[in-house]
ModelCIF file with pLDDT and N, C-alpha, C, O atoms, coordinates in Angstrom:
data_MODEL
#
_entry.id   MODEL 
#
_entity.id                         1 
_entity.type                       polymer 
_entity.pdbx_number_of_molecules   1 
#
_entity_poly.entity_id                      1 
_entity_poly.type                           'polypeptide(L)' 
_entity_poly.nstd_linkage                   no 
_entity_poly.nstd_monomer                   no 
_entity_poly.pdbx_seq_one_letter_code       SSTGYFANAHVGVDGFAQAAGIQLLHVPYQGGSQALMAVAGGQV 
_entity_poly.pdbx_seq_one_letter_code_can   SSTGYFANAHVGVDGFAQAAGIQLLHVPYQGGSQALMAVAGGQV 
_entity_poly.pdbx_strand_id                 A 
#
loop_
_entity_poly_seq.entity_id 
_entity_poly_seq.num 
_entity_poly_seq.mon_id 
_entity_poly_seq.hetero 
1 1  SER n 
1 2  SER n 
1 3  THR n 
1 4  GLY n 
1 5  TYR n 
1 6  PHE n 
1 7  ALA n 
1 8  ASN n 
1 9  ALA n 
1 10 HIS n 
1 11 VAL n 
1 12 GLY n 
1 13 VAL n 
1 14 ASP n 
1 15 GLY n 
1 16 PHE n 
1 17 ALA n 
1 18 GLN n 
1 19 ALA n 
1 20 ALA n 
1 21 GLY n 
1 22 ILE n 
1 23 GLN n 
1 24 LEU n 
1 25 LEU n 
1 26 HIS n 
1 27 VAL n 
1 28 PRO n 
1 29 TYR n 
1 30 GLN n 
1 31 GLY n 
1 32 GLY n 
1 33 SER n 
1 34 GLN n 
1 35 ALA n 
1 36 LEU n 
1 37 MET n 
1 38 ALA n 
1 39 VAL n 
1 40 ALA n 
1 41 GLY n 
1 42 GLY n 
1 43 GLN n 
1 44 VAL n 
#
_struct_asym.id          A 
_struct_asym.entity_id   1 
#
loop_
_ma_qa_metric.id 
_ma_qa_metric.mode 
_ma_qa_metric.name 
_ma_qa_metric.software_group_id 
_ma_qa_metric.type 
1 global pLDDT . pLDDT 
2 local  pLDDT . pLDDT 
#
_ma_qa_metric_global.metric_id      1 
_ma_qa_metric_global.metric_value   91.86 
_ma_qa_metric_global.model_id       1 
_ma_qa_metric_global.ordinal_id     1 
#
loop_
_ma_qa_metric_local.label_asym_id 
_ma_qa_metric_local.label_comp_id 
_ma_qa_metric_local.label_seq_id 
_ma_qa_metric_local.metric_id 
_ma_qa_metric_local.metric_value 
_ma_qa_metric_local.model_id 
_ma_qa_metric_local.ordinal_id 
A SER 1  2 95.00 1 1  
A SER 2  2 91.00 1 2  
A THR 3  2 84.00 1 3  
A GLY 4  2 84.00 1 4  
A TYR 5  2 87.00 1 5  
A PHE 6  2 90.00 1 6  
A ALA 7  2 88.00 1 7  
A ASN 8  2 90.00 1 8  
A ALA 9  2 91.00 1 9  
A HIS 10 2 93.00 1 10 
A VAL 11 2 95.00 1 11 
A GLY 12 2 95.00 1 12 
A VAL 13 2 96.00 1 13 
A ASP 14 2 96.00 1 14 
A GLY 15 2 95.00 1 15 
A PHE 16 2 97.00 1 16 
A ALA 17 2 96.00 1 17 
A GLN 18 2 96.00 1 18 
A ALA 19 2 96.00 1 19 
A ALA 20 2 96.00 1 20 
A GLY 21 2 96.00 1 21 
A ILE 22 2 97.00 1 22 
A GLN 23 2 96.00 1 23 
A LEU 24 2 96.00 1 24 
A LEU 25 2 96.00 1 25 
A HIS 26 2 96.00 1 26 
A VAL 27 2 96.00 1 27 
A PRO 28 2 92.00 1 28 
A TYR 29 2 89.00 1 29 
A GLN 30 2 79.00 1 30 
A GLY 31 2 76.00 1 31 
A GLY 32 2 79.00 1 32 
A SER 33 2 82.00 1 33 
A GLN 34 2 89.00 1 34 
A ALA 35 2 90.00 1 35 
A LEU 36 2 89.00 1 36 
A MET 37 2 93.00 1 37 
A ALA 38 2 95.00 1 38 
A VAL 39 2 95.00 1 39 
A ALA 40 2 93.00 1 40 
A GLY 41 2 93.00 1 41 
A GLY 42 2 93.00 1 42 
A GLN 43 2 95.00 1 43 
A VAL 44 2 96.00 1 44 
#
loop_
_atom_site.group_PDB 
_atom_site.id 
_atom_site.type_symbol 
_atom_site.label_atom_id 
_atom_site.label_alt_id 
_atom_site.label_comp_id 
_atom_site.label_asym_id 
_atom_site.label_entity_id 
_atom_site.label_seq_id 
_atom_site.pdbx_PDB_ins_code 
_atom_site.Cartn_x 
_atom_site.Cartn_y 
_atom_site.Cartn_z 
_atom_site.occupancy 
_atom_site.B_iso_or_equiv 
_atom_site.pdbx_formal_charge 
_atom_site.auth_seq_id 
_atom_site.auth_comp_id 
_atom_site.auth_asym_id 
_atom_site.auth_atom_id 
_atom_site.pdbx_PDB_model_num 
ATOM 1   N N  . SER A 1 1  ? 13.845 2.079  4.704  1.00 95.00 ? 1  SER A N  1 
ATOM 2   C CA . SER A 1 1  ? 14.615 1.160  3.492  1.00 95.00 ? 1  SER A CA 1 
ATOM 3   C C  . SER A 1 1  ? 15.820 2.088  2.955  1.00 95.00 ? 1  SER A C  1 
ATOM 4   O O  . SER A 1 1  ? 15.626 3.292  2.790  1.00 95.00 ? 1  SER A O  1 
ATOM 5   N N  . SER A 1 2  ? 16.831 1.608  2.738  1.00 91.00 ? 2  SER A N  1 
ATOM 6   C CA . SER A 1 2  ? 17.857 2.112  1.919  1.00 91.00 ? 2  SER A CA 1 
ATOM 7   C C  . SER A 1 2  ? 18.531 1.001  0.821  1.00 91.00 ? 2  SER A C  1 
ATOM 8   O O  . SER A 1 2  ? 18.206 -0.154 0.547  1.00 91.00 ? 2  SER A O  1 
ATOM 9   N N  . THR A 1 3  ? 19.467 1.758  0.388  1.00 84.00 ? 3  THR A N  1 
ATOM 10  C CA . THR A 1 3  ? 20.315 0.844  -0.858 1.00 84.00 ? 3  THR A CA 1 
ATOM 11  C C  . THR A 1 3  ? 21.476 -0.026 0.128  1.00 84.00 ? 3  THR A C  1 
ATOM 12  O O  . THR A 1 3  ? 22.197 -0.736 -0.574 1.00 84.00 ? 3  THR A O  1 
ATOM 13  N N  . GLY A 1 4  ? 21.703 -0.080 1.213  1.00 84.00 ? 4  GLY A N  1 
ATOM 14  C CA . GLY A 1 4  ? 22.692 -0.809 2.076  1.00 84.00 ? 4  GLY A CA 1 
ATOM 15  C C  . GLY A 1 4  ? 23.094 0.380  3.362  1.00 84.00 ? 4  GLY A C  1 
ATOM 16  O O  . GLY A 1 4  ? 22.680 1.521  3.567  1.00 84.00 ? 4  GLY A O  1 
ATOM 17  N N  . TYR A 1 5  ? 23.956 -0.372 3.985  1.00 87.00 ? 5  TYR A N  1 
ATOM 18  C CA . TYR A 1 5  ? 24.616 0.324  5.060  1.00 87.00 ? 5  TYR A CA 1 
ATOM 19  C C  . TYR A 1 5  ? 25.433 1.547  4.441  1.00 87.00 ? 5  TYR A C  1 
ATOM 20  O O  . TYR A 1 5  ? 26.223 1.633  3.500  1.00 87.00 ? 5  TYR A O  1 
ATOM 21  N N  . PHE A 1 6  ? 24.951 2.394  5.296  1.00 90.00 ? 6  PHE A N  1 
ATOM 22  C CA . PHE A 1 6  ? 26.150 3.685  4.992  1.00 90.00 ? 6  PHE A CA 1 
ATOM 23  C C  . PHE A 1 6  ? 25.698 4.096  3.450  1.00 90.00 ? 6  PHE A C  1 
ATOM 24  O O  . PHE A 1 6  ? 26.508 4.645  2.703  1.00 90.00 ? 6  PHE A O  1 
ATOM 25  N N  . ALA A 1 7  ? 24.527 3.831  3.086  1.00 88.00 ? 7  ALA A N  1 
ATOM 26  C CA . ALA A 1 7  ? 24.202 4.675  1.762  1.00 88.00 ? 7  ALA A CA 1 
ATOM 27  C C  . ALA A 1 7  ? 23.467 5.473  1.988  1.00 88.00 ? 7  ALA A C  1 
ATOM 28  O O  . ALA A 1 7  ? 22.945 5.402  3.101  1.00 88.00 ? 7  ALA A O  1 
ATOM 29  N N  . ASN A 1 8  ? 23.045 6.637  1.059  1.00 90.00 ? 8  ASN A N  1 
ATOM 30  C CA . ASN A 1 8  ? 22.620 7.914  0.915  1.00 90.00 ? 8  ASN A CA 1 
ATOM 31  C C  . ASN A 1 8  ? 21.410 7.863  2.029  1.00 90.00 ? 8  ASN A C  1 
ATOM 32  O O  . ASN A 1 8  ? 21.425 8.641  2.982  1.00 90.00 ? 8  ASN A O  1 
ATOM 33  N N  . ALA A 1 9  ? 20.352 6.887  1.846  1.00 91.00 ? 9  ALA A N  1 
ATOM 34  C CA . ALA A 1 9  ? 19.197 6.766  2.601  1.00 91.00 ? 9  ALA A CA 1 
ATOM 35  C C  . ALA A 1 9  ? 19.286 6.500  4.076  1.00 91.00 ? 9  ALA A C  1 
ATOM 36  O O  . ALA A 1 9  ? 18.473 7.028  4.835  1.00 91.00 ? 9  ALA A O  1 
ATOM 37  N N  . HIS A 1 10 ? 20.293 5.658  4.545  1.00 93.00 ? 10 HIS A N  1 
ATOM 38  C CA . HIS A 1 10 ? 20.582 5.320  5.685  1.00 93.00 ? 10 HIS A CA 1 
ATOM 39  C C  . HIS A 1 10 ? 20.926 6.015  6.296  1.00 93.00 ? 10 HIS A C  1 
ATOM 40  O O  . HIS A 1 10 ? 20.264 6.222  7.313  1.00 93.00 ? 10 HIS A O  1 
ATOM 41  N N  . VAL A 1 11 ? 22.502 7.021  6.007  1.00 95.00 ? 11 VAL A N  1 
ATOM 42  C CA . VAL A 1 11 ? 23.164 7.892  6.718  1.00 95.00 ? 11 VAL A CA 1 
ATOM 43  C C  . VAL A 1 11 ? 21.859 9.072  6.810  1.00 95.00 ? 11 VAL A C  1 
ATOM 44  O O  . VAL A 1 11 ? 21.514 9.494  7.914  1.00 95.00 ? 11 VAL A O  1 
ATOM 45  N N  . GLY A 1 12 ? 21.116 9.594  5.405  1.00 95.00 ? 12 GLY A N  1 
ATOM 46  C CA . GLY A 1 12 ? 20.229 10.660 5.537  1.00 95.00 ? 12 GLY A CA 1 
ATOM 47  C C  . GLY A 1 12 ? 18.982 10.644 6.749  1.00 95.00 ? 12 GLY A C  1 
ATOM 48  O O  . GLY A 1 12 ? 18.552 11.612 7.376  1.00 95.00 ? 12 GLY A O  1 
ATOM 49  N N  . VAL A 1 13 ? 18.638 9.456  6.829  1.00 96.00 ? 13 VAL A N  1 
ATOM 50  C CA . VAL A 1 13 ? 17.570 9.264  7.910  1.00 96.00 ? 13 VAL A CA 1 
ATOM 51  C C  . VAL A 1 13 ? 17.683 8.907  9.262  1.00 96.00 ? 13 VAL A C  1 
ATOM 52  O O  . VAL A 1 13 ? 16.790 8.999  10.104 1.00 96.00 ? 13 VAL A O  1 
ATOM 53  N N  . ASP A 1 14 ? 19.208 8.357  9.484  1.00 96.00 ? 14 ASP A N  1 
ATOM 54  C CA . ASP A 1 14 ? 19.686 8.342  10.392 1.00 96.00 ? 14 ASP A CA 1 
ATOM 55  C C  . ASP A 1 14 ? 20.137 9.711  11.038 1.00 96.00 ? 14 ASP A C  1 
ATOM 56  O O  . ASP A 1 14 ? 20.213 9.976  12.238 1.00 96.00 ? 14 ASP A O  1 
ATOM 57  N N  . GLY A 1 15 ? 20.371 10.376 10.140 1.00 95.00 ? 15 GLY A N  1 
ATOM 58  C CA . GLY A 1 15 ? 20.875 11.674 10.687 1.00 95.00 ? 15 GLY A CA 1 
ATOM 59  C C  . GLY A 1 15 ? 19.421 12.292 11.344 1.00 95.00 ? 15 GLY A C  1 
ATOM 60  O O  . GLY A 1 15 ? 19.512 12.889 12.416 1.00 95.00 ? 15 GLY A O  1 
ATOM 61  N N  . PHE A 1 16 ? 18.164 12.158 10.738 1.00 97.00 ? 16 PHE A N  1 
ATOM 62  C CA . PHE A 1 16 ? 17.123 13.012 11.124 1.00 97.00 ? 16 PHE A CA 1 
ATOM 63  C C  . PHE A 1 16 ? 16.731 12.183 12.539 1.00 97.00 ? 16 PHE A C  1 
ATOM 64  O O  . PHE A 1 16 ? 16.241 12.788 13.492 1.00 97.00 ? 16 PHE A O  1 
ATOM 65  N N  . ALA A 1 17 ? 16.998 10.733 12.577 1.00 96.00 ? 17 ALA A N  1 
ATOM 66  C CA . ALA A 1 17 ? 16.392 10.214 13.792 1.00 96.00 ? 17 ALA A CA 1 
ATOM 67  C C  . ALA A 1 17 ? 17.279 10.783 14.925 1.00 96.00 ? 17 ALA A C  1 
ATOM 68  O O  . ALA A 1 17 ? 16.786 10.874 16.049 1.00 96.00 ? 17 ALA A O  1 
ATOM 69  N N  . GLN A 1 18 ? 18.456 11.140 14.722 1.00 96.00 ? 18 GLN A N  1 
ATOM 70  C CA . GLN A 1 18 ? 19.415 11.497 15.771 1.00 96.00 ? 18 GLN A CA 1 
ATOM 71  C C  . GLN A 1 18 ? 18.876 13.173 16.222 1.00 96.00 ? 18 GLN A C  1 
ATOM 72  O O  . GLN A 1 18 ? 18.830 13.681 17.342 1.00 96.00 ? 18 GLN A O  1 
ATOM 73  N N  . ALA A 1 19 ? 18.580 13.644 15.140 1.00 96.00 ? 19 ALA A N  1 
ATOM 74  C CA . ALA A 1 19 ? 18.042 14.896 15.561 1.00 96.00 ? 19 ALA A CA 1 
ATOM 75  C C  . ALA A 1 19 ? 16.884 14.768 16.251 1.00 96.00 ? 19 ALA A C  1 
ATOM 76  O O  . ALA A 1 19 ? 16.855 15.543 17.207 1.00 96.00 ? 19 ALA A O  1 
ATOM 77  N N  . ALA A 1 20 ? 16.016 14.159 16.151 1.00 96.00 ? 20 ALA A N  1 
ATOM 78  C CA . ALA A 1 20 ? 14.703 13.859 16.649 1.00 96.00 ? 20 ALA A CA 1 
ATOM 79  C C  . ALA A 1 20 ? 14.594 13.275 18.057 1.00 96.00 ? 20 ALA A C  1 
ATOM 80  O O  . ALA A 1 20 ? 13.686 13.395 18.879 1.00 96.00 ? 20 ALA A O  1 
ATOM 81  N N  . GLY A 1 21 ? 16.057 12.435 18.144 1.00 96.00 ? 21 GLY A N  1 
ATOM 82  C CA . GLY A 1 21 ? 16.234 11.834 19.514 1.00 96.00 ? 21 GLY A CA 1 
ATOM 83  C C  . GLY A 1 21 ? 15.119 10.524 19.584 1.00 96.00 ? 21 GLY A C  1 
ATOM 84  O O  . GLY A 1 21 ? 14.417 10.450 20.592 1.00 96.00 ? 21 GLY A O  1 
ATOM 85  N N  . ILE A 1 22 ? 14.963 9.474  18.480 1.00 97.00 ? 22 ILE A N  1 
ATOM 86  C CA . ILE A 1 22 ? 14.257 8.721  18.385 1.00 97.00 ? 22 ILE A CA 1 
ATOM 87  C C  . ILE A 1 22 ? 14.991 7.302  17.549 1.00 97.00 ? 22 ILE A C  1 
ATOM 88  O O  . ILE A 1 22 ? 15.893 7.437  16.723 1.00 97.00 ? 22 ILE A O  1 
ATOM 89  N N  . GLN A 1 23 ? 14.403 5.956  17.951 1.00 96.00 ? 23 GLN A N  1 
ATOM 90  C CA . GLN A 1 23 ? 15.363 5.103  17.232 1.00 96.00 ? 23 GLN A CA 1 
ATOM 91  C C  . GLN A 1 23 ? 14.004 4.610  16.217 1.00 96.00 ? 23 GLN A C  1 
ATOM 92  O O  . GLN A 1 23 ? 12.811 4.396  16.432 1.00 96.00 ? 23 GLN A O  1 
ATOM 93  N N  . LEU A 1 24 ? 14.868 4.567  15.052 1.00 96.00 ? 24 LEU A N  1 
ATOM 94  C CA . LEU A 1 24 ? 13.967 3.828  13.636 1.00 96.00 ? 24 LEU A CA 1 
ATOM 95  C C  . LEU A 1 24 ? 14.547 2.335  13.682 1.00 96.00 ? 24 LEU A C  1 
ATOM 96  O O  . LEU A 1 24 ? 15.506 1.867  14.296 1.00 96.00 ? 24 LEU A O  1 
ATOM 97  N N  . LEU A 1 25 ? 13.707 1.814  12.893 1.00 96.00 ? 25 LEU A N  1 
ATOM 98  C CA . LEU A 1 25 ? 14.382 0.484  12.145 1.00 96.00 ? 25 LEU A CA 1 
ATOM 99  C C  . LEU A 1 25 ? 15.016 0.589  10.576 1.00 96.00 ? 25 LEU A C  1 
ATOM 100 O O  . LEU A 1 25 ? 14.448 1.178  9.656  1.00 96.00 ? 25 LEU A O  1 
ATOM 101 N N  . HIS A 1 26 ? 15.896 0.117  10.504 1.00 96.00 ? 26 HIS A N  1 
ATOM 102 C CA . HIS A 1 26 ? 16.806 0.400  9.157  1.00 96.00 ? 26 HIS A CA 1 
ATOM 103 C C  . HIS A 1 26 ? 16.414 -1.044 8.354  1.00 96.00 ? 26 HIS A C  1 
ATOM 104 O O  . HIS A 1 26 ? 16.894 -2.073 8.830  1.00 96.00 ? 26 HIS A O  1 
ATOM 105 N N  . VAL A 1 27 ? 15.736 -1.126 7.404  1.00 96.00 ? 27 VAL A N  1 
ATOM 106 C CA . VAL A 1 27 ? 15.990 -2.283 6.508  1.00 96.00 ? 27 VAL A CA 1 
ATOM 107 C C  . VAL A 1 27 ? 16.402 -1.646 5.169  1.00 96.00 ? 27 VAL A C  1 
ATOM 108 O O  . VAL A 1 27 ? 15.878 -0.755 4.501  1.00 96.00 ? 27 VAL A O  1 
ATOM 109 N N  . PRO A 1 28 ? 17.802 -2.584 4.944  1.00 92.00 ? 28 PRO A N  1 
ATOM 110 C CA . PRO A 1 28 ? 18.495 -2.558 3.818  1.00 92.00 ? 28 PRO A CA 1 
ATOM 111 C C  . PRO A 1 28 ? 17.856 -3.459 2.485  1.00 92.00 ? 28 PRO A C  1 
ATOM 112 O O  . PRO A 1 28 ? 17.508 -4.618 2.709  1.00 92.00 ? 28 PRO A O  1 
ATOM 113 N N  . TYR A 1 29 ? 17.700 -2.837 0.963  1.00 89.00 ? 29 TYR A N  1 
ATOM 114 C CA . TYR A 1 29 ? 17.791 -3.417 0.112  1.00 89.00 ? 29 TYR A CA 1 
ATOM 115 C C  . TYR A 1 29 ? 18.757 -3.548 -0.751 1.00 89.00 ? 29 TYR A C  1 
ATOM 116 O O  . TYR A 1 29 ? 19.766 -2.917 -0.435 1.00 89.00 ? 29 TYR A O  1 
ATOM 117 N N  . GLN A 1 30 ? 18.822 -4.141 -1.736 1.00 79.00 ? 30 GLN A N  1 
ATOM 118 C CA . GLN A 1 30 ? 20.249 -4.365 -2.758 1.00 79.00 ? 30 GLN A CA 1 
ATOM 119 C C  . GLN A 1 30 ? 20.026 -3.441 -4.079 1.00 79.00 ? 30 GLN A C  1 
ATOM 120 O O  . GLN A 1 30 ? 20.864 -3.405 -4.980 1.00 79.00 ? 30 GLN A O  1 
ATOM 121 N N  . GLY A 1 31 ? 18.667 -2.609 -4.110 1.00 76.00 ? 31 GLY A N  1 
ATOM 122 C CA . GLY A 1 31 ? 18.922 -1.580 -4.921 1.00 76.00 ? 31 GLY A CA 1 
ATOM 123 C C  . GLY A 1 31 ? 17.834 -0.393 -5.141 1.00 76.00 ? 31 GLY A C  1 
ATOM 124 O O  . GLY A 1 31 ? 16.639 -0.670 -5.046 1.00 76.00 ? 31 GLY A O  1 
ATOM 125 N N  . GLY A 1 32 ? 18.105 0.453  -5.330 1.00 79.00 ? 32 GLY A N  1 
ATOM 126 C CA . GLY A 1 32 ? 17.634 1.842  -5.245 1.00 79.00 ? 32 GLY A CA 1 
ATOM 127 C C  . GLY A 1 32 ? 15.695 1.387  -5.523 1.00 79.00 ? 32 GLY A C  1 
ATOM 128 O O  . GLY A 1 32 ? 14.814 1.712  -4.728 1.00 79.00 ? 32 GLY A O  1 
ATOM 129 N N  . SER A 1 33 ? 15.509 0.762  -6.556 1.00 82.00 ? 33 SER A N  1 
ATOM 130 C CA . SER A 1 33 ? 14.258 0.606  -6.655 1.00 82.00 ? 33 SER A CA 1 
ATOM 131 C C  . SER A 1 33 ? 13.358 0.138  -5.893 1.00 82.00 ? 33 SER A C  1 
ATOM 132 O O  . SER A 1 33 ? 12.263 0.577  -5.539 1.00 82.00 ? 33 SER A O  1 
ATOM 133 N N  . GLN A 1 34 ? 14.174 -1.215 -5.572 1.00 89.00 ? 34 GLN A N  1 
ATOM 134 C CA . GLN A 1 34 ? 13.606 -2.048 -4.320 1.00 89.00 ? 34 GLN A CA 1 
ATOM 135 C C  . GLN A 1 34 ? 13.273 -1.189 -3.274 1.00 89.00 ? 34 GLN A C  1 
ATOM 136 O O  . GLN A 1 34 ? 12.222 -1.409 -2.673 1.00 89.00 ? 34 GLN A O  1 
ATOM 137 N N  . ALA A 1 35 ? 13.981 -0.248 -2.947 1.00 90.00 ? 35 ALA A N  1 
ATOM 138 C CA . ALA A 1 35 ? 14.032 0.386  -1.400 1.00 90.00 ? 35 ALA A CA 1 
ATOM 139 C C  . ALA A 1 35 ? 13.009 1.374  -1.811 1.00 90.00 ? 35 ALA A C  1 
ATOM 140 O O  . ALA A 1 35 ? 12.487 1.762  -0.766 1.00 90.00 ? 35 ALA A O  1 
ATOM 141 N N  . LEU A 1 36 ? 12.442 2.000  -2.878 1.00 89.00 ? 36 LEU A N  1 
ATOM 142 C CA . LEU A 1 36 ? 11.623 2.883  -3.215 1.00 89.00 ? 36 LEU A CA 1 
ATOM 143 C C  . LEU A 1 36 ? 10.229 2.182  -3.483 1.00 89.00 ? 36 LEU A C  1 
ATOM 144 O O  . LEU A 1 36 ? 9.296  2.948  -3.240 1.00 89.00 ? 36 LEU A O  1 
ATOM 145 N N  . MET A 1 37 ? 9.888  1.080  -3.866 1.00 93.00 ? 37 MET A N  1 
ATOM 146 C CA . MET A 1 37 ? 9.135  0.415  -4.161 1.00 93.00 ? 37 MET A CA 1 
ATOM 147 C C  . MET A 1 37 ? 8.485  -0.242 -2.556 1.00 93.00 ? 37 MET A C  1 
ATOM 148 O O  . MET A 1 37 ? 7.298  -0.491 -2.346 1.00 93.00 ? 37 MET A O  1 
ATOM 149 N N  . ALA A 1 38 ? 9.658  -0.425 -1.536 1.00 95.00 ? 38 ALA A N  1 
ATOM 150 C CA . ALA A 1 38 ? 9.207  -1.275 -0.246 1.00 95.00 ? 38 ALA A CA 1 
ATOM 151 C C  . ALA A 1 38 ? 8.455  -0.025 0.596  1.00 95.00 ? 38 ALA A C  1 
ATOM 152 O O  . ALA A 1 38 ? 7.599  -0.424 1.386  1.00 95.00 ? 38 ALA A O  1 
ATOM 153 N N  . VAL A 1 39 ? 8.655  1.430  0.537  1.00 95.00 ? 39 VAL A N  1 
ATOM 154 C CA . VAL A 1 39 ? 7.933  2.247  0.828  1.00 95.00 ? 39 VAL A CA 1 
ATOM 155 C C  . VAL A 1 39 ? 6.703  2.731  0.331  1.00 95.00 ? 39 VAL A C  1 
ATOM 156 O O  . VAL A 1 39 ? 5.808  3.238  1.007  1.00 95.00 ? 39 VAL A O  1 
ATOM 157 N N  . ALA A 1 40 ? 6.715  2.476  -1.356 1.00 93.00 ? 40 ALA A N  1 
ATOM 158 C CA . ALA A 1 40 ? 5.340  2.772  -2.105 1.00 93.00 ? 40 ALA A CA 1 
ATOM 159 C C  . ALA A 1 40 ? 4.308  1.549  -1.867 1.00 93.00 ? 40 ALA A C  1 
ATOM 160 O O  . ALA A 1 40 ? 3.115  1.657  -2.151 1.00 93.00 ? 40 ALA A O  1 
ATOM 161 N N  . GLY A 1 41 ? 4.835  0.465  -1.360 1.00 93.00 ? 41 GLY A N  1 
ATOM 162 C CA . GLY A 1 41 ? 4.278  -0.738 -1.228 1.00 93.00 ? 41 GLY A CA 1 
ATOM 163 C C  . GLY A 1 41 ? 3.898  -1.158 0.467  1.00 93.00 ? 41 GLY A C  1 
ATOM 164 O O  . GLY A 1 41 ? 3.370  -2.207 0.835  1.00 93.00 ? 41 GLY A O  1 
ATOM 165 N N  . GLY A 1 42 ? 4.338  -0.010 1.337  1.00 93.00 ? 42 GLY A N  1 
ATOM 166 C CA . GLY A 1 42 ? 3.717  0.020  2.729  1.00 93.00 ? 42 GLY A CA 1 
ATOM 167 C C  . GLY A 1 42 ? 4.750  -1.234 3.142  1.00 93.00 ? 42 GLY A C  1 
ATOM 168 O O  . GLY A 1 42 ? 4.232  -1.668 4.171  1.00 93.00 ? 42 GLY A O  1 
ATOM 169 N N  . GLN A 1 43 ? 5.755  -1.913 2.913  1.00 95.00 ? 43 GLN A N  1 
ATOM 170 C CA . GLN A 1 43 ? 6.459  -2.936 3.540  1.00 95.00 ? 43 GLN A CA 1 
ATOM 171 C C  . GLN A 1 43 ? 7.425  -2.172 4.926  1.00 95.00 ? 43 GLN A C  1 
ATOM 172 O O  . GLN A 1 43 ? 7.884  -2.612 5.980  1.00 95.00 ? 43 GLN A O  1 
ATOM 173 N N  . VAL A 1 44 ? 7.419  -0.618 4.146  1.00 96.00 ? 44 VAL A N  1 
ATOM 174 C CA . VAL A 1 44 ? 8.220  -0.130 5.498  1.00 96.00 ? 44 VAL A CA 1 
ATOM 175 C C  . VAL A 1 44 ? 7.658  1.681  5.508  1.00 96.00 ? 44 VAL A C  1 
ATOM 176 O O  . VAL A 1 44 ? 8.045  2.443  6.394  1.00 96.00 ? 44 VAL A O  1 
#
């Protein structure tokens, strides 16, 4: 999850994926709390 395209989480995790040579699924949310609750709740 992230707060949108090219937001900090999007670029940070994509940079990790590039370094690991893997493809991940990006799921953008409208706010930081929503993005965090998505991983806390297991949606991502």
